[in-house]
């Protein structure tokens, strides 16, 4: 009897081990098939290899009216070489060198000879000397770069993603006013997903506009709580010359915001990105023993560094230029999507779906 029980136990154990082996083998097969069919990869030469499964997913998520165009755009060239482009550099390190930096940036943007109006310098001086500066808002050299960029191109309408206190929206509005005058019809649409300010939940998002810049409040329109999809209600296709993205920096959120905005930006228009060194700066801070409440995401940094078209670096802020053919963003985006996402859990598949959907408006 004892021998029978031992034999039965050994048989059951063998069956169980065999089933586990088979299960593990099936999991490996599924993973290999999933990677083969749905995971873009980068060759040593830098070529993007887009699997057939990914291409079919892109087409499947597009509206019927766009599927043939998407198919034609993607399938002739599943492998694309997109080396990152070198960035021109224009940093604003102090108010003393603002005018020289402005002149340099104007030449980069094809408007050589343009200089800042005196009222702009007076405004920046007052901002530098303000007594209250809230954490999380853009730093001095960054808002000098943002001011100069908006002032030089002088559009009538700017869209911002990521409001926080409203400080950067006010910076943009001031640059528009100093170019177009107090009574001109120029404005900023600023968008944020949070009703309560991220740095102080006792106050509403954008509270600093009325508190610190009441003279600019009429130029700033808050769209809260909304994400970047609301831009379709705020701008026409090919309307915007500049947008500013300073929201969720976790990869691929900056990429998704950019793709959603791209159809509404003019050909060769500009997207200003904040925190393009946040990952590197944050990693060094963590290694030095500092604790960062919001982490050190690389999304904006990876987006800027890998951008294969025109771009200008201003320190922790920079601007990337759209290509003439917006559909060229699709293979670039697929390449960047091959980098593991920093957002996790249920948000990751939602982001994949949203990214696929955004492609339809680029063709």
Protein backbone atom coordinates (compact mmCIF):
# COMPACT_ATOMS: atom_id res chain seq x y z
CA UNK A 1 0.00 0.00 0.00
CA UNK A 2 2.84 2.35 0.89
CA UNK A 3 4.47 1.66 -2.46
CA UNK A 4 1.17 2.38 -4.24
CA UNK A 5 0.83 5.78 -2.53
CA UNK A 6 4.42 6.68 -3.35
CA UNK A 7 3.92 5.67 -6.98
CA UNK A 8 0.66 7.64 -7.18
CA UNK A 9 2.27 10.68 -5.60
CA UNK A 10 5.22 10.51 -7.97
CA UNK A 11 2.89 10.17 -10.95
CA UNK A 12 0.81 13.16 -9.84
CA UNK A 13 3.94 15.20 -9.27
CA UNK A 14 5.21 14.26 -12.74
CA UNK A 15 1.89 15.24 -14.33
CA UNK A 16 1.88 18.54 -12.42
CA UNK A 17 5.47 19.30 -13.45
CA UNK A 18 4.65 18.45 -17.04
CA UNK A 19 1.62 20.72 -17.02
CA UNK A 20 3.71 23.54 -15.55
CA UNK A 21 6.35 22.99 -18.21
CA UNK A 22 3.72 23.07 -20.94
CA UNK A 23 2.15 26.20 -19.45
CA UNK A 24 5.51 27.96 -19.24
CA UNK A 25 6.28 26.95 -22.83
CA UNK A 26 2.94 28.35 -24.02
CA UNK A 27 3.63 31.60 -22.20
CA UNK A 28 7.00 31.90 -23.92
CA UNK A 29 5.41 31.20 -27.28
CA UNK A 30 2.70 33.83 -26.69
CA UNK A 31 5.31 36.35 -25.60
CA UNK A 32 7.46 35.64 -28.64
CA UNK A 33 4.49 35.95 -30.98
CA UNK A 34 3.38 39.17 -29.30
CA UNK A 35 6.87 40.65 -29.57
CA UNK A 36 7.22 39.52 -33.17
CA UNK A 37 3.83 40.86 -34.25
CA UNK A 38 3.34 43.91 -32.05
CA UNK A 39 6.62 45.25 -30.67
CA UNK A 40 8.57 47.73 -32.83
CA UNK A 41 12.33 47.29 -32.59
CA UNK A 42 15.40 49.29 -33.52
CA UNK A 43 18.20 47.69 -35.51
CA UNK A 44 21.86 48.48 -34.87
CA UNK A 45 21.81 50.73 -37.92
CA UNK A 46 19.02 52.77 -36.36
CA UNK A 47 16.26 51.45 -38.62
CA UNK A 48 12.81 51.15 -37.15
CA UNK A 49 11.37 47.71 -37.78
CA UNK A 50 7.59 47.96 -37.52
CA UNK A 51 5.92 44.54 -37.24
CA UNK A 52 2.88 43.79 -39.37
CA UNK A 53 0.72 43.47 -36.25
CA UNK A 54 1.48 47.05 -35.23
CA UNK A 55 0.72 48.40 -38.69
CA UNK A 56 -2.59 46.55 -38.74
CA UNK A 57 -3.43 47.91 -35.27
CA UNK A 58 -2.71 51.45 -36.42
CA UNK A 59 -5.05 51.05 -39.39
CA UNK A 60 -7.70 49.26 -37.32
CA UNK A 61 -7.93 52.12 -34.80
CA UNK A 62 -8.32 54.75 -37.52
CA UNK A 63 -11.73 55.96 -38.75
CA UNK A 64 -12.92 54.28 -41.95
CA UNK A 65 -12.31 57.44 -43.97
CA UNK A 66 -8.60 57.40 -43.08
CA UNK A 67 -7.74 53.71 -43.28
CA UNK A 68 -6.74 53.56 -46.94
CA UNK A 69 -4.52 56.66 -46.62
CA UNK A 70 -2.89 55.28 -43.48
CA UNK A 71 -2.32 51.93 -45.15
CA UNK A 72 -0.71 53.62 -48.15
CA UNK A 73 1.47 55.81 -45.90
CA UNK A 74 2.75 52.99 -43.68
CA UNK A 75 3.02 49.84 -45.72
CA UNK A 76 5.45 50.94 -48.46
CA UNK A 77 8.14 51.67 -45.87
CA UNK A 78 7.89 49.50 -42.72
CA UNK A 79 11.56 50.18 -41.96
CA UNK A 80 12.55 53.85 -41.70
CA UNK A 81 15.81 55.53 -40.75
CA UNK A 82 15.15 58.42 -38.34
CA UNK A 83 18.37 59.58 -36.70
CA UNK A 84 17.93 62.33 -34.11
CA UNK A 85 18.66 65.78 -35.52
CA UNK A 86 21.28 68.03 -33.92
CA UNK A 87 19.79 70.90 -31.92
CA UNK A 88 20.69 74.55 -32.31
CA UNK A 89 21.37 76.18 -28.96
CA UNK A 90 20.08 79.48 -27.58
CA UNK A 91 20.12 79.79 -23.80
CA UNK A 92 18.99 82.80 -21.76
CA UNK A 93 21.07 82.82 -18.61
CA UNK A 94 20.15 86.23 -17.24
CA UNK A 95 18.08 89.33 -17.91
CA UNK A 96 21.33 91.11 -18.82
CA UNK A 97 21.79 88.91 -21.89
CA UNK A 98 18.09 88.72 -22.82
CA UNK A 99 18.42 91.17 -25.72
CA UNK A 100 21.42 89.42 -27.24
CA UNK A 101 19.74 86.03 -26.81
CA UNK A 102 16.55 87.42 -28.36
CA UNK A 103 18.49 88.66 -31.40
CA UNK A 104 20.22 85.29 -31.76
CA UNK A 105 16.93 83.37 -31.52
CA UNK A 106 15.23 85.72 -33.98
CA UNK A 107 17.92 84.91 -36.55
CA UNK A 108 17.39 81.19 -35.95
CA UNK A 109 13.67 81.63 -36.59
CA UNK A 110 14.22 83.53 -39.84
CA UNK A 111 13.42 86.97 -38.42
CA UNK A 112 16.88 88.47 -38.17
CA UNK A 113 17.00 92.02 -36.87
CA UNK A 114 13.94 91.76 -34.62
CA UNK A 115 14.45 93.17 -31.11
CA UNK A 116 12.31 93.01 -27.95
CA UNK A 117 10.03 95.94 -27.14
CA UNK A 118 11.04 97.98 -24.05
CA UNK A 119 7.78 97.03 -22.30
CA UNK A 120 8.80 93.38 -22.48
CA UNK A 121 12.06 94.01 -20.66
CA UNK A 122 10.23 96.00 -17.98
CA UNK A 123 7.73 93.17 -17.50
CA UNK A 124 10.45 90.53 -17.20
CA UNK A 125 12.30 92.66 -14.67
CA UNK A 126 9.17 92.86 -12.53
CA UNK A 127 8.68 89.08 -12.75
CA UNK A 128 12.27 88.34 -11.78
CA UNK A 129 11.90 90.57 -8.72
CA UNK A 130 8.49 89.24 -7.60
CA UNK A 131 8.31 88.16 -3.98
CA UNK A 132 6.25 84.99 -4.37
CA UNK A 133 7.51 82.17 -6.58
CA UNK A 134 5.58 78.91 -6.45
CA UNK A 135 7.30 75.52 -6.76
CA UNK A 136 6.82 73.69 -10.02
CA UNK A 137 6.62 76.80 -12.19
CA UNK A 138 9.17 77.31 -14.94
CA UNK A 139 12.51 78.84 -13.96
CA UNK A 140 13.93 82.21 -14.98
CA UNK A 141 16.01 81.10 -17.97
CA UNK A 142 13.09 78.96 -19.16
CA UNK A 143 10.53 81.75 -19.14
CA UNK A 144 13.03 84.06 -20.84
CA UNK A 145 13.25 81.50 -23.66
CA UNK A 146 9.45 81.09 -23.78
CA UNK A 147 8.92 84.87 -23.78
CA UNK A 148 11.40 85.42 -26.59
CA UNK A 149 10.01 82.57 -28.69
CA UNK A 150 6.43 83.85 -28.49
CA UNK A 151 7.49 87.48 -28.88
CA UNK A 152 9.56 86.84 -32.01
CA UNK A 153 6.93 84.80 -33.86
CA UNK A 154 4.11 86.94 -32.42
CA UNK A 155 1.09 84.74 -33.20
CA UNK A 156 -2.39 85.86 -32.21
CA UNK A 157 -3.31 82.56 -30.53
CA UNK A 158 -1.26 80.13 -28.43
CA UNK A 159 -2.36 76.83 -26.85
CA UNK A 160 -0.75 75.53 -23.67
CA UNK A 161 -1.05 71.99 -22.27
CA UNK A 162 -0.46 71.95 -18.51
CA UNK A 163 -1.65 75.00 -16.57
CA UNK A 164 -0.52 74.33 -12.96
CA UNK A 165 -0.61 77.78 -11.27
CA UNK A 166 -1.11 79.65 -14.55
CA UNK A 167 2.29 81.34 -14.42
CA UNK A 168 3.49 80.19 -17.86
CA UNK A 169 0.12 81.08 -19.42
CA UNK A 170 0.61 84.61 -18.08
CA UNK A 171 4.16 84.72 -19.48
CA UNK A 172 2.80 83.80 -22.92
CA UNK A 173 -0.06 86.31 -22.67
CA UNK A 174 2.34 89.08 -21.71
CA UNK A 175 4.54 88.38 -24.74
CA UNK A 176 1.47 88.57 -26.99
CA UNK A 177 0.35 91.84 -25.43
CA UNK A 178 3.76 93.47 -25.80
CA UNK A 179 3.73 92.59 -29.50
CA UNK A 180 0.10 93.28 -30.42
CA UNK A 181 -0.95 95.91 -27.90
CA UNK A 182 -3.41 95.97 -25.04
CA UNK A 183 -6.53 96.09 -27.18
CA UNK A 184 -5.59 93.46 -29.76
CA UNK A 185 -7.47 90.20 -30.15
CA UNK A 186 -4.74 87.83 -29.02
CA UNK A 187 -5.19 85.13 -26.40
CA UNK A 188 -3.95 81.96 -24.72
CA UNK A 189 -5.95 78.76 -24.31
CA UNK A 190 -4.51 76.78 -21.41
CA UNK A 191 -5.61 73.18 -20.73
CA UNK A 192 -5.21 71.02 -17.64
CA UNK A 193 -6.69 67.70 -16.50
CA UNK A 194 -6.88 68.77 -12.84
CA UNK A 195 -9.41 71.16 -11.32
CA UNK A 196 -7.31 71.54 -8.17
CA UNK A 197 -3.74 72.72 -8.52
CA UNK A 198 -1.20 69.90 -8.33
CA UNK A 199 1.12 71.79 -5.96
CA UNK A 200 -1.69 73.04 -3.68
CA UNK A 201 -4.98 71.16 -3.76
CA UNK A 202 -6.65 73.83 -1.62
CA UNK A 203 -6.51 76.17 -4.62
CA UNK A 204 -7.87 75.89 -8.16
CA UNK A 205 -5.61 75.22 -11.12
CA UNK A 206 -4.53 78.53 -12.65
CA UNK A 207 -5.02 80.51 -9.42
CA UNK A 208 -1.90 82.64 -10.01
CA UNK A 209 -3.37 84.33 -13.08
CA UNK A 210 -5.85 86.38 -11.06
CA UNK A 211 -3.53 86.63 -8.07
CA UNK A 212 -0.32 87.82 -9.73
CA UNK A 213 -1.31 88.91 -13.25
CA UNK A 214 -4.85 90.36 -13.12
CA UNK A 215 -4.05 92.70 -16.02
CA UNK A 216 -3.61 89.65 -18.27
CA UNK A 217 -6.56 87.58 -17.05
CA UNK A 218 -8.85 88.65 -19.91
CA UNK A 219 -6.37 87.18 -22.41
CA UNK A 220 -6.23 83.74 -20.80
CA UNK A 221 -8.95 81.12 -21.24
CA UNK A 222 -8.83 78.16 -18.88
CA UNK A 223 -10.13 74.77 -20.03
CA UNK A 224 -10.26 72.63 -16.92
CA UNK A 225 -10.59 69.68 -16.43
CA UNK A 226 -9.70 68.65 -19.98
CA UNK A 227 -6.89 66.88 -21.79
CA UNK A 228 -5.27 67.75 -25.10
CA UNK A 229 -8.18 66.34 -27.15
CA UNK A 230 -10.10 69.54 -26.44
CA UNK A 231 -7.80 71.44 -28.82
CA UNK A 232 -10.14 70.37 -31.64
CA UNK A 233 -12.71 72.75 -30.13
CA UNK A 234 -10.25 75.61 -29.68
CA UNK A 235 -8.39 75.83 -32.97
CA UNK A 236 -8.79 75.15 -36.67
CA UNK A 237 -6.52 72.83 -38.60
CA UNK A 238 -3.22 74.50 -39.58
CA UNK A 239 -3.97 77.53 -37.40
CA UNK A 240 -1.42 77.57 -34.58
CA UNK A 241 2.17 78.72 -34.99
CA UNK A 242 3.26 77.86 -31.44
CA UNK A 243 2.02 75.51 -28.73
CA UNK A 244 3.54 74.93 -25.31
CA UNK A 245 3.52 71.47 -23.68
CA UNK A 246 4.29 71.28 -19.96
CA UNK A 247 1.94 68.65 -18.54
CA UNK A 248 2.47 64.98 -17.63
CA UNK A 249 6.13 64.30 -18.44
CA UNK A 250 5.94 60.50 -18.18
CA UNK A 251 6.59 58.75 -21.47
CA UNK A 252 4.59 58.64 -23.75
CA UNK A 253 2.34 61.48 -22.50
CA UNK A 254 4.36 64.33 -24.08
CA UNK A 255 4.38 62.43 -27.38
CA UNK A 256 0.63 61.90 -27.22
CA UNK A 257 0.00 65.59 -26.50
CA UNK A 258 2.22 66.56 -29.43
CA UNK A 259 0.47 64.19 -31.85
CA UNK A 260 -2.95 65.45 -30.80
CA UNK A 261 -1.88 69.05 -31.34
CA UNK A 262 0.02 68.52 -34.59
CA UNK A 263 -2.99 68.71 -36.97
CA UNK A 264 -3.80 72.18 -35.62
CA UNK A 265 -0.27 73.54 -36.02
CA UNK A 266 0.90 75.13 -39.24
CA UNK A 267 3.38 73.33 -41.44
CA UNK A 268 6.84 74.04 -40.00
CA UNK A 269 5.17 75.35 -36.84
CA UNK A 270 6.76 74.98 -33.40
CA UNK A 271 6.07 73.02 -30.22
CA UNK A 272 7.85 74.34 -27.13
CA UNK A 273 8.59 71.58 -24.61
CA UNK A 274 9.44 72.14 -20.97
CA UNK A 275 11.59 69.90 -18.75
CA UNK A 276 13.62 68.41 -21.56
CA UNK A 277 16.36 67.62 -19.02
CA UNK A 278 14.09 66.56 -16.17
CA UNK A 279 14.98 62.86 -16.30
CA UNK A 280 18.72 63.45 -16.22
CA UNK A 281 18.52 66.20 -13.61
CA UNK A 282 16.18 64.13 -11.46
CA UNK A 283 18.31 60.98 -11.70
CA UNK A 284 21.37 62.93 -10.52
CA UNK A 285 19.35 64.39 -7.65
CA UNK A 286 18.13 60.96 -6.57
CA UNK A 287 21.68 59.56 -6.75
CA UNK A 288 22.74 62.44 -4.49
CA UNK A 289 20.18 61.35 -1.89
CA UNK A 290 17.39 63.82 -2.63
CA UNK A 291 13.74 62.74 -2.57
CA UNK A 292 11.61 63.90 -5.50
CA UNK A 293 7.87 63.85 -4.85
CA UNK A 294 7.01 63.76 -8.56
CA UNK A 295 9.85 61.48 -9.64
CA UNK A 296 12.14 62.08 -12.60
CA UNK A 297 10.27 61.13 -15.78
CA UNK A 298 12.12 61.13 -19.09
CA UNK A 299 9.16 61.61 -21.46
CA UNK A 300 9.89 65.18 -22.57
CA UNK A 301 13.64 64.52 -22.63
CA UNK A 302 13.33 61.44 -24.84
CA UNK A 303 10.91 63.24 -27.15
CA UNK A 304 13.23 66.21 -27.62
CA UNK A 305 16.48 64.26 -27.87
CA UNK A 306 15.11 61.80 -30.44
CA UNK A 307 13.32 64.44 -32.55
CA UNK A 308 14.57 64.01 -36.14
CA UNK A 309 13.49 67.40 -37.49
CA UNK A 310 14.42 71.01 -36.63
CA UNK A 311 14.86 71.86 -32.95
CA UNK A 312 16.31 74.52 -30.66
CA UNK A 313 17.58 73.89 -27.14
CA UNK A 314 17.37 76.56 -24.46
CA UNK A 315 18.53 74.59 -21.40
CA UNK A 316 15.70 72.72 -19.67
CA UNK A 317 13.32 74.08 -22.30
CA UNK A 318 13.39 73.64 -26.05
CA UNK A 319 11.33 73.81 -29.22
CA UNK A 320 10.79 71.24 -31.96
CA UNK A 321 9.59 72.06 -35.45
CA UNK A 322 6.98 70.09 -37.36
CA UNK A 323 8.01 68.64 -40.72
CA UNK A 324 6.31 69.75 -43.92
CA UNK A 325 4.61 66.36 -44.12
CA UNK A 326 2.91 65.64 -40.79
CA UNK A 327 2.51 61.97 -41.70
CA UNK A 328 6.28 61.65 -41.19
CA UNK A 329 5.49 61.85 -37.47
CA UNK A 330 3.89 58.38 -37.59
CA UNK A 331 7.04 56.27 -38.11
CA UNK A 332 8.89 58.56 -35.70
CA UNK A 333 6.18 58.05 -33.08
CA UNK A 334 6.24 54.28 -33.58
CA UNK A 335 9.98 54.31 -32.99
CA UNK A 336 9.58 56.28 -29.76
CA UNK A 337 6.75 53.97 -28.70
CA UNK A 338 9.25 51.09 -28.78
CA UNK A 339 10.77 52.63 -25.62
CA UNK A 340 9.08 51.15 -22.50
CA UNK A 341 6.32 53.39 -21.17
CA UNK A 342 6.77 55.20 -17.86
CA UNK A 343 3.04 55.21 -17.23
CA UNK A 344 1.77 51.89 -15.92
CA UNK A 345 -1.29 49.79 -15.05
CA UNK A 346 -4.51 50.58 -16.93
CA UNK A 347 -3.11 53.88 -18.23
CA UNK A 348 -0.59 52.13 -20.51
CA UNK A 349 -3.07 50.32 -22.84
CA UNK A 350 -5.22 53.45 -22.84
CA UNK A 351 -2.20 55.44 -24.03
CA UNK A 352 -1.47 52.88 -26.76
CA UNK A 353 -5.04 53.16 -28.03
CA UNK A 354 -4.93 56.99 -27.92
CA UNK A 355 -1.61 57.08 -29.77
CA UNK A 356 -2.96 54.84 -32.52
CA UNK A 357 -6.05 57.02 -32.82
CA UNK A 358 -3.97 60.20 -33.12
CA UNK A 359 -2.26 58.89 -36.25
CA UNK A 360 -5.46 59.15 -38.30
CA UNK A 361 -5.41 62.95 -38.16
CA UNK A 362 -1.84 63.13 -39.48
CA UNK A 363 -2.55 61.83 -42.98
